[in-house]
Protein backbone atom coordinates (compact mmCIF):
# COMPACT_ATOMS: atom_id res chain seq x y z
CA UNK A 1 -74.38 -62.03 58.39
CA UNK A 2 -72.20 -58.93 58.73
CA UNK A 3 -71.62 -58.75 54.97
CA UNK A 4 -75.31 -59.12 54.29
CA UNK A 5 -76.14 -56.34 56.74
CA UNK A 6 -73.66 -54.02 55.09
CA UNK A 7 -74.76 -54.79 51.54
CA UNK A 8 -78.40 -54.26 52.46
CA UNK A 9 -77.78 -50.52 52.52
CA UNK A 10 -76.57 -50.54 48.92
CA UNK A 11 -79.16 -50.52 46.13
CA UNK A 12 -79.13 -53.18 43.41
CA UNK A 13 -78.95 -52.33 39.70
CA UNK A 14 -82.66 -51.67 39.51
CA UNK A 15 -82.42 -49.46 42.57
CA UNK A 16 -79.48 -47.58 41.07
CA UNK A 17 -81.42 -46.94 37.88
CA UNK A 18 -84.50 -45.74 39.75
CA UNK A 19 -82.28 -43.59 41.96
CA UNK A 20 -80.66 -41.88 38.97
CA UNK A 21 -84.06 -41.28 37.37
CA UNK A 22 -85.38 -39.86 40.64
CA UNK A 23 -82.33 -37.61 40.96
CA UNK A 24 -82.88 -36.29 37.46
CA UNK A 25 -86.55 -35.58 38.19
CA UNK A 26 -85.58 -33.91 41.48
CA UNK A 27 -83.07 -31.60 39.78
CA UNK A 28 -85.61 -30.74 37.09
CA UNK A 29 -88.41 -30.05 39.58
CA UNK A 30 -86.23 -27.90 41.86
CA UNK A 31 -84.34 -26.13 39.08
CA UNK A 32 -85.73 -22.68 39.92
CA UNK A 33 -85.12 -23.21 43.63
CA UNK A 34 -81.46 -24.04 43.04
CA UNK A 35 -81.09 -20.92 40.87
CA UNK A 36 -82.56 -18.90 43.76
CA UNK A 37 -80.10 -20.47 46.18
CA UNK A 38 -77.13 -19.65 43.94
CA UNK A 39 -78.36 -16.07 43.57
CA UNK A 40 -78.64 -15.68 47.36
CA UNK A 41 -75.25 -17.31 47.96
CA UNK A 42 -73.39 -15.23 45.36
CA UNK A 43 -75.04 -11.90 46.15
CA UNK A 44 -72.42 -9.32 47.31
CA UNK A 45 -74.60 -8.65 50.36
CA UNK A 46 -75.21 -12.34 50.94
CA UNK A 47 -75.62 -13.64 54.48
CA UNK A 48 -75.43 -17.26 53.30
CA UNK A 49 -72.17 -17.58 51.39
CA UNK A 50 -71.49 -20.61 53.62
CA UNK A 51 -74.47 -22.39 52.05
CA UNK A 52 -72.31 -24.16 49.45
CA UNK A 53 -70.47 -26.03 52.22
CA UNK A 54 -73.51 -27.38 54.07
CA UNK A 55 -74.33 -30.36 51.75
CA UNK A 56 -70.68 -31.46 51.80
CA UNK A 57 -70.54 -31.26 55.59
CA UNK A 58 -73.74 -33.31 55.82
CA UNK A 59 -72.34 -35.89 53.41
CA UNK A 60 -69.14 -36.14 55.44
CA UNK A 61 -71.10 -36.66 58.67
CA UNK A 62 -73.08 -39.46 57.01
CA UNK A 63 -69.84 -41.04 55.78
CA UNK A 64 -68.46 -41.00 59.33
CA UNK A 65 -71.45 -43.07 60.44
CA UNK A 66 -71.25 -45.60 57.61
CA UNK A 67 -70.19 -48.52 59.83
CA UNK A 68 -72.89 -47.89 62.43
CA UNK A 69 -75.53 -47.49 59.72
CA UNK A 70 -74.60 -50.81 58.12
CA UNK A 71 -75.38 -52.64 61.35
CA UNK A 72 -78.85 -51.14 61.78
CA UNK A 73 -82.01 -52.89 60.52
CA UNK A 74 -83.47 -51.55 57.30
CA UNK A 75 -87.24 -51.04 57.08
CA UNK A 76 -89.82 -48.69 55.63
CA UNK A 77 -92.15 -46.14 57.21
CA UNK A 78 -95.44 -44.80 55.88
CA UNK A 79 -94.67 -41.54 57.64
CA UNK A 80 -91.81 -41.12 55.19
CA UNK A 81 -94.19 -41.42 52.24
CA UNK A 82 -96.46 -38.81 53.83
CA UNK A 83 -93.52 -36.44 54.26
CA UNK A 84 -92.48 -36.98 50.63
CA UNK A 85 -95.95 -36.13 49.35
CA UNK A 86 -96.22 -33.16 51.72
CA UNK A 87 -92.81 -31.80 50.68
CA UNK A 88 -93.69 -32.02 46.98
CA UNK A 89 -97.03 -30.29 47.55
CA UNK A 90 -95.28 -27.49 49.44
CA UNK A 91 -92.77 -27.17 46.61
CA UNK A 92 -95.51 -26.94 43.97
CA UNK A 93 -97.34 -24.29 45.98
CA UNK A 94 -94.07 -22.40 46.55
CA UNK A 95 -93.16 -22.34 42.86
CA UNK A 96 -96.69 -21.26 41.99
CA UNK A 97 -96.46 -18.32 44.43
CA UNK A 98 -92.71 -17.69 43.84
CA UNK A 99 -91.99 -18.30 47.54
CA UNK A 100 -88.63 -20.03 47.25
CA UNK A 101 -87.94 -19.91 50.98
CA UNK A 102 -90.54 -22.61 51.67
CA UNK A 103 -89.47 -24.50 48.54
CA UNK A 104 -85.94 -24.64 49.91
CA UNK A 105 -87.03 -26.09 53.23
CA UNK A 106 -89.19 -28.63 51.42
CA UNK A 107 -85.90 -30.15 50.19
CA UNK A 108 -84.95 -30.95 53.78
CA UNK A 109 -88.42 -32.41 54.44
CA UNK A 110 -88.11 -34.46 51.25
CA UNK A 111 -84.70 -35.81 52.36
CA UNK A 112 -86.11 -36.84 55.74
CA UNK A 113 -89.12 -38.47 54.10
CA UNK A 114 -86.97 -40.42 51.65
CA UNK A 115 -84.72 -41.63 54.47
CA UNK A 116 -87.72 -42.81 56.48
CA UNK A 117 -89.41 -44.48 53.52
CA UNK A 118 -86.32 -46.20 52.11
CA UNK A 119 -84.36 -47.02 55.28
CA UNK A 120 -86.74 -46.78 58.23
CA UNK A 121 -86.82 -45.01 61.61
CA UNK A 122 -83.65 -46.59 63.07
CA UNK A 123 -81.34 -45.30 60.33
CA UNK A 124 -83.18 -41.97 60.16
CA UNK A 125 -82.61 -41.41 63.89
CA UNK A 126 -78.90 -41.96 63.37
CA UNK A 127 -78.94 -39.38 60.57
CA UNK A 128 -81.11 -36.87 62.43
CA UNK A 129 -78.38 -34.24 62.79
CA UNK A 130 -76.98 -34.42 59.22
CA UNK A 131 -80.52 -34.16 57.86
CA UNK A 132 -81.44 -31.31 60.22
CA UNK A 133 -78.17 -29.50 59.50
CA UNK A 134 -79.43 -28.95 55.95
CA UNK A 135 -81.60 -26.16 57.39
CA UNK A 136 -78.54 -23.87 57.50
CA UNK A 137 -78.24 -23.90 53.69
CA UNK A 138 -81.66 -22.32 53.09
CA UNK A 139 -81.70 -18.50 53.39
CA UNK A 140 -84.32 -16.87 55.56
CA UNK A 141 -86.60 -14.27 53.94
CA UNK A 142 -85.01 -10.83 53.72
CA UNK A 143 -87.80 -9.42 55.90
CA UNK A 144 -86.74 -11.68 58.74
CA UNK A 145 -83.05 -10.83 58.26
CA UNK A 146 -83.82 -7.09 58.16
CA UNK A 147 -85.96 -7.35 61.30
CA UNK A 148 -82.99 -8.86 63.15
CA UNK A 149 -80.26 -6.86 61.44
CA UNK A 150 -81.52 -3.37 62.33
CA UNK A 151 -81.72 -3.74 66.15
CA UNK A 152 -78.48 -5.72 66.07
CA UNK A 153 -76.81 -2.89 64.14
CA UNK A 154 -78.01 -0.29 66.63
CA UNK A 155 -76.87 -2.39 69.60
CA UNK A 156 -73.41 -2.93 68.10
CA UNK A 157 -73.07 0.78 67.28
CA UNK A 158 -74.13 1.74 70.80
CA UNK A 159 -71.76 -0.71 72.49
CA UNK A 160 -68.82 0.17 70.24
CA UNK A 161 -69.35 3.89 70.81
CA UNK A 162 -69.63 3.43 74.58
CA UNK A 163 -66.38 1.43 74.72
CA UNK A 164 -64.42 3.95 72.66
CA UNK A 165 -65.91 6.86 74.64
CA UNK A 166 -64.74 5.26 77.89
CA UNK A 167 -61.24 4.98 76.43
CA UNK A 168 -61.16 8.77 76.16
CA UNK A 169 -61.88 9.22 72.46
CA UNK A 170 -64.09 12.22 71.57
CA UNK A 171 -67.07 10.58 69.89
CA UNK A 172 -70.76 11.30 69.27
CA UNK A 173 -73.34 8.82 67.98
CA UNK A 174 -76.55 9.72 66.15
CA UNK A 175 -78.39 6.49 65.45
CA UNK A 176 -76.05 4.40 63.33
CA UNK A 177 -73.85 7.39 62.40
CA UNK A 178 -70.72 7.93 64.48
CA UNK A 179 -68.98 11.33 64.48
CA UNK A 180 -65.28 11.47 65.28
CA UNK A 181 -62.84 14.35 65.44
CA UNK A 182 -61.43 13.66 61.98
CA UNK A 183 -64.05 11.45 60.38
CA UNK A 184 -67.67 10.35 60.26
CA UNK A 185 -68.65 6.76 59.70
CA UNK A 186 -71.92 4.90 59.43
CA UNK A 187 -72.54 1.44 60.85
CA UNK A 188 -74.26 -0.28 57.92
CA UNK A 189 -76.09 -3.57 57.74
CA UNK A 190 -72.90 -5.56 56.94
CA UNK A 191 -71.43 -4.23 60.22
CA UNK A 192 -74.45 -5.45 62.20
CA UNK A 193 -72.83 -8.87 62.44
CA UNK A 194 -75.85 -10.73 61.11
CA UNK A 195 -73.73 -12.47 58.49
CA UNK A 196 -71.20 -13.82 61.01
CA UNK A 197 -74.03 -14.58 63.44
CA UNK A 198 -75.81 -16.87 60.95
CA UNK A 199 -72.60 -18.63 59.93
CA UNK A 200 -71.42 -18.96 63.54
CA UNK A 201 -74.74 -20.46 64.61
CA UNK A 202 -74.22 -23.14 61.96
CA UNK A 203 -70.72 -23.76 63.30
CA UNK A 204 -72.09 -23.78 66.85
CA UNK A 205 -74.55 -26.49 65.90
CA UNK A 206 -71.76 -28.51 64.28
CA UNK A 207 -69.48 -28.10 67.31
CA UNK A 208 -72.34 -29.13 69.59
CA UNK A 209 -72.83 -32.29 67.55
CA UNK A 210 -69.12 -33.14 67.61
CA UNK A 211 -68.70 -32.31 71.29
CA UNK A 212 -68.25 -35.39 73.49
CA UNK A 213 -70.39 -34.45 76.46
CA UNK A 214 -73.86 -34.14 77.90
CA UNK A 215 -76.83 -32.58 76.13
CA UNK A 216 -76.56 -29.57 78.45
CA UNK A 217 -73.02 -28.88 77.28
CA UNK A 218 -74.02 -29.32 73.64
CA UNK A 219 -76.87 -26.85 74.07
CA UNK A 220 -74.57 -24.44 75.88
CA UNK A 221 -72.00 -24.23 73.09
CA UNK A 222 -74.75 -23.73 70.50
CA UNK A 223 -76.29 -20.87 72.49
CA UNK A 224 -72.88 -19.30 73.16
CA UNK A 225 -72.46 -18.80 69.40
CA UNK A 226 -74.77 -15.76 69.65
CA UNK A 227 -72.89 -13.73 72.32
CA UNK A 228 -69.53 -14.72 70.80
CA UNK A 229 -70.64 -13.39 67.39
CA UNK A 230 -71.94 -10.16 68.94
CA UNK A 231 -68.86 -9.59 71.12
CA UNK A 232 -66.37 -10.11 68.29
CA UNK A 233 -68.38 -7.84 66.00
CA UNK A 234 -68.38 -5.09 68.66
CA UNK A 235 -64.60 -5.53 68.75
CA UNK A 236 -64.54 -5.06 64.97
CA UNK A 237 -66.60 -1.86 65.19
CA UNK A 238 -64.23 -0.53 67.87
CA UNK A 239 -61.29 -1.30 65.62
CA UNK A 240 -62.91 0.46 62.65
CA UNK A 241 -63.66 3.51 64.82
CA UNK A 242 -60.06 3.64 66.05
CA UNK A 243 -58.59 3.24 62.56
CA UNK A 244 -60.99 5.82 61.09
CA UNK A 245 -60.04 8.32 63.76
CA UNK A 246 -56.29 7.79 63.35
CA UNK A 247 -55.92 7.09 59.62
CA UNK A 248 -59.06 8.55 58.05
CA UNK A 249 -62.68 7.60 57.43
CA UNK A 250 -61.90 5.86 54.13
CA UNK A 251 -60.28 3.02 56.09
CA UNK A 252 -63.67 2.15 57.56
CA UNK A 253 -65.54 2.33 54.25
CA UNK A 254 -66.85 -0.93 52.72
CA UNK A 255 -64.68 -0.32 49.63
CA UNK A 256 -61.43 -0.36 51.60
CA UNK A 257 -59.47 -3.58 52.02
CA UNK A 258 -59.26 -3.10 55.80
CA UNK A 259 -63.05 -3.23 56.15
CA UNK A 260 -63.28 -6.58 54.32
CA UNK A 261 -60.22 -8.04 56.01
CA UNK A 262 -61.49 -7.12 59.47
CA UNK A 263 -64.76 -8.94 58.73
CA UNK A 264 -62.94 -12.13 57.79
CA UNK A 265 -60.64 -11.81 60.81
CA UNK A 266 -63.60 -11.42 63.16
CA UNK A 267 -65.23 -14.58 61.83
CA UNK A 268 -62.08 -16.66 62.24
CA UNK A 269 -61.54 -15.28 65.74
CA UNK A 270 -65.14 -16.21 66.58
CA UNK A 271 -64.59 -19.74 65.31
CA UNK A 272 -61.38 -20.04 67.33
CA UNK A 273 -63.17 -18.88 70.49
CA UNK A 274 -66.03 -21.29 69.90
CA UNK A 275 -63.62 -24.15 69.25
CA UNK A 276 -61.75 -23.29 72.45
CA UNK A 277 -65.02 -23.37 74.40
CA UNK A 278 -65.78 -26.79 72.91
CA UNK A 279 -62.42 -28.14 74.05
CA UNK A 280 -63.02 -26.79 77.56
CA UNK A 281 -66.51 -28.32 77.71
CA UNK A 282 -65.09 -31.68 76.64
CA UNK A 283 -63.11 -31.92 79.86
CA UNK A 284 -64.50 -34.39 82.43
CA UNK A 285 -67.04 -32.89 84.83
């Protein structure tokens, strides 16, 4: 009985053939959407360079559950068929209007619909997080990112300036422009922290899923990703201000290696802090 249950999740030869044909049709239908994703991922000002990793993380999470999935009953749901049809209609409308944002999210809806239709509600519930985690691979419209990035940039500039002013450094801020004794630097959109915020929210969701604890603790670590990303980015701005004042404004320019390195360092520090919080929350209540 155990062997039969496990083999029931694997398609037969006919199923394999139909699956390969369906995959080919899927790649053909979503060709323009995938090109849009690659363009957004590879853009020098991209906020979604982590998007390439998301499908592999989802696949690994499914692989971890392979034994539990094999023991669940396999069925079919009409809701899945409805989601498949709805996702394809959204994709057609999106391609027609060149709105690739909605086309991207239709891929996630299509994956959920296929899982429901082919495997049923029980298996789909087990795969709820890996399927939902796909949302982090689809870039938000630039209007939405700009609407969040600008106030975030001003807040970071204000906080960084206030901290350095309290330390005794002569400093004057005019909007996003910071005047120092020996240099003037501008807090641009990359320094707003929106890029690390988006990536860290994805990591926060993953840490929340992996955390062995109550739902409250899982929700807490996900929400803490936002203040952690902001705090570490303020620290980065303070560092850039200090270095610009002591070594020259070119050290804080986007073309300088220190500017890029500090961005990477801030993200890894944020991940380390978030991981430390997860380990603390895993302790018994």
